[in-house]
Amino acid sequence: FIVGSTMDLVAGVLIMANTVCMALQGEYDGFDNAVNVGWKGTIEPASSVWPGASEVFGTIEWFFGILFAVEVAAKFFALGCSFFKESKWNIFDLVVVSLWCIDRVNFSSFSMNPMVLRLARLARLLRLLRIVKWVKVFD
C-alpha cells in the first residue's frame, strides 16, 4: 500500500487539497499586501476581512506538513535503502518535508523565505503527472 498506486492516488489528492489551501492563503495574504501598498479601494486588513483565517491556515499547514512527513517516513521504512533508488520524487519529497520541518521547528538560525517553501510544495504538483499516467492505464 505504501509504495503502490493507491498511495500515489491518496498523495495526489492531498497535494491538490494542499494547493487549494495555499491558494486561499495567498488570497488572504493579498488583502494585507493591498493595504500595505495603499491599493485603491482597500481599507481593511486580512484579519478584518476573514476573521480567524490566520489561525486556520496555520493549523492546515501543520496538518498537511505532518501528513506529508508521515508519507515520506512510511516510504523510507518500507523501502529501506532503495528509497533513494526507487524514484527521484522520493528524494524531492524528502527535501521539501525536511525544509518544512526545519522551518516549523526553527531548529537552527536557518531562516527561510516562506514563499520559497510554498513554491517547493507547489512543485509537488508535478508528481500528479505520475498519477495521470497511471489513470490512463484504465482506458
Protein backbone atom coordinates (compact mmCIF):
# COMPACT_ATOMS: atom_id res chain seq x y z
CA PHE A 1 0.00 0.00 0.00
CA ILE A 2 2.75 2.48 0.94
CA VAL A 3 4.57 2.22 -2.38
CA GLY A 4 1.65 1.28 -4.60
CA SER A 5 -0.55 3.22 -6.95
CA THR A 6 -3.22 3.63 -4.24
CA MET A 7 -0.78 5.61 -2.11
CA ASP A 8 0.16 7.71 -5.13
CA LEU A 9 -3.51 8.50 -5.64
CA VAL A 10 -4.00 9.42 -1.96
CA ALA A 11 -0.87 11.59 -2.06
CA GLY A 12 -2.15 13.26 -5.23
CA VAL A 13 -5.47 14.14 -3.60
CA LEU A 14 -3.63 15.52 -0.56
CA ILE A 15 -1.34 17.58 -2.78
CA MET A 16 -4.32 19.04 -4.64
CA ALA A 17 -6.13 19.86 -1.38
CA ASN A 18 -2.97 21.46 -0.01
CA THR A 19 -2.64 23.51 -3.19
CA VAL A 20 -6.19 24.83 -2.84
CA CYS A 21 -5.48 25.81 0.77
CA MET A 22 -2.25 27.53 -0.26
CA ALA A 23 -4.14 29.48 -2.95
CA LEU A 24 -6.68 30.62 -0.36
CA GLN A 25 -3.86 31.63 1.97
CA GLY A 26 -2.31 33.61 -0.89
CA GLU A 27 -5.61 35.41 -1.36
CA TYR A 28 -5.74 36.13 2.37
CA ASP A 29 -2.18 37.49 2.35
CA GLY A 30 -3.11 39.61 -0.65
CA PHE A 31 -5.57 41.59 1.47
CA ASP A 32 -2.74 42.73 3.75
CA ASN A 33 -0.46 43.42 0.81
CA ALA A 34 -3.12 45.61 -0.80
CA VAL A 35 -3.50 47.61 2.43
CA ASN A 36 0.29 47.92 2.84
CA VAL A 37 0.81 49.37 -0.64
CA GLY A 38 -2.28 51.57 -0.42
CA TRP A 39 -4.16 49.85 -3.22
CA LYS A 40 -7.16 51.93 -4.23
CA GLY A 41 -10.35 50.77 -2.54
CA THR A 42 -8.74 48.58 0.14
CA ILE A 43 -9.04 49.77 3.69
CA GLU A 44 -9.37 46.61 5.76
CA PRO A 45 -6.56 44.22 6.68
CA ALA A 46 -6.94 40.49 6.13
CA SER A 47 -7.79 39.85 9.78
CA SER A 48 -10.89 42.00 9.38
CA VAL A 49 -11.94 40.58 6.02
CA TRP A 50 -11.53 36.91 7.03
CA PRO A 51 -11.50 36.84 10.86
CA GLY A 52 -9.73 33.83 12.32
CA ALA A 53 -8.35 32.70 8.97
CA SER A 54 -4.73 33.14 10.06
CA GLU A 55 -5.13 30.51 12.79
CA VAL A 56 -7.00 28.19 10.41
CA PHE A 57 -4.26 28.46 7.78
CA GLY A 58 -1.61 27.77 10.43
CA THR A 59 -3.46 24.64 11.55
CA ILE A 60 -3.93 23.48 7.97
CA GLU A 61 -0.22 23.95 7.26
CA TRP A 62 0.66 21.78 10.28
CA PHE A 63 -1.91 19.18 9.21
CA PHE A 64 -0.55 18.80 5.68
CA GLY A 65 3.07 19.07 6.81
CA ILE A 66 2.64 16.22 9.27
CA LEU A 67 0.76 14.09 6.73
CA PHE A 68 3.50 14.56 4.13
CA ALA A 69 6.19 13.85 6.73
CA VAL A 70 4.41 10.62 7.69
CA GLU A 71 4.17 9.69 4.00
CA VAL A 72 7.91 10.20 3.47
CA ALA A 73 8.78 8.31 6.67
CA ALA A 74 6.49 5.40 5.77
CA LYS A 75 8.04 5.13 2.32
CA PHE A 76 11.53 5.31 3.78
CA PHE A 77 10.81 2.50 6.25
CA ALA A 78 9.02 0.40 3.63
CA LEU A 79 11.73 0.75 1.00
CA GLY A 80 14.83 0.96 3.17
CA CYS A 81 17.93 1.91 1.21
CA SER A 82 16.10 1.57 -2.09
CA PHE A 83 14.08 4.66 -1.06
CA PHE A 84 16.73 6.74 -2.82
CA LYS A 85 16.86 4.48 -5.90
CA GLU A 86 13.13 3.84 -6.29
CA SER A 87 12.22 7.31 -7.54
CA LYS A 88 13.76 10.75 -7.72
CA TRP A 89 10.43 12.05 -6.38
CA ASN A 90 11.21 10.37 -3.06
CA ILE A 91 14.35 12.48 -2.74
CA PHE A 92 12.45 15.60 -3.76
CA ASP A 93 9.72 14.87 -1.20
CA LEU A 94 12.35 14.25 1.48
CA VAL A 95 13.97 17.62 0.77
CA VAL A 96 10.65 19.51 0.77
CA VAL A 97 9.47 17.85 4.00
CA SER A 98 12.87 18.38 5.65
CA LEU A 99 12.84 22.08 4.78
CA TRP A 100 9.31 22.35 6.15
CA CYS A 101 10.36 20.66 9.39
CA ILE A 102 13.38 22.95 9.79
CA ASP A 103 11.20 25.99 9.13
CA ARG A 104 8.48 24.91 11.57
CA VAL A 105 10.76 23.84 14.40
CA ASN A 106 13.25 26.69 13.96
CA PHE A 107 15.89 24.04 14.52
CA SER A 108 18.66 26.48 13.83
CA SER A 109 19.20 30.08 12.89
CA PHE A 110 18.31 28.94 9.38
CA SER A 111 15.71 31.39 8.16
CA MET A 112 13.80 30.56 5.02
CA ASN A 113 11.57 32.79 3.00
CA PRO A 114 8.09 31.21 3.31
CA MET A 115 7.45 31.87 -0.38
CA VAL A 116 10.37 29.62 -1.36
CA LEU A 117 8.94 26.83 0.77
CA ARG A 118 5.49 27.31 -0.77
CA LEU A 119 6.97 27.14 -4.27
CA ALA A 120 8.73 23.90 -3.40
CA ARG A 121 5.47 22.50 -2.08
CA LEU A 122 3.68 23.61 -5.24
CA ALA A 123 6.32 21.81 -7.29
CA ARG A 124 4.94 18.62 -5.77
CA LEU A 125 2.07 19.09 -8.21
CA LEU A 126 4.42 17.67 -10.82
CA ARG A 127 4.02 14.34 -9.02
CA LEU A 128 0.46 14.32 -10.27
CA LEU A 129 1.82 13.60 -13.74
CA ARG A 130 2.75 10.13 -12.48
CA ILE A 131 -0.82 9.60 -11.32
CA VAL A 132 -2.24 10.80 -14.62
CA LYS A 133 -0.10 8.20 -16.44
CA TRP A 134 -1.40 5.54 -14.02
CA VAL A 135 -5.05 6.53 -14.60
CA LYS A 136 -4.57 6.27 -18.38
CA VAL A 137 -3.91 2.55 -17.87
CA PHE A 138 -7.67 2.09 -17.32
CA ASP A 139 -8.53 3.47 -20.80
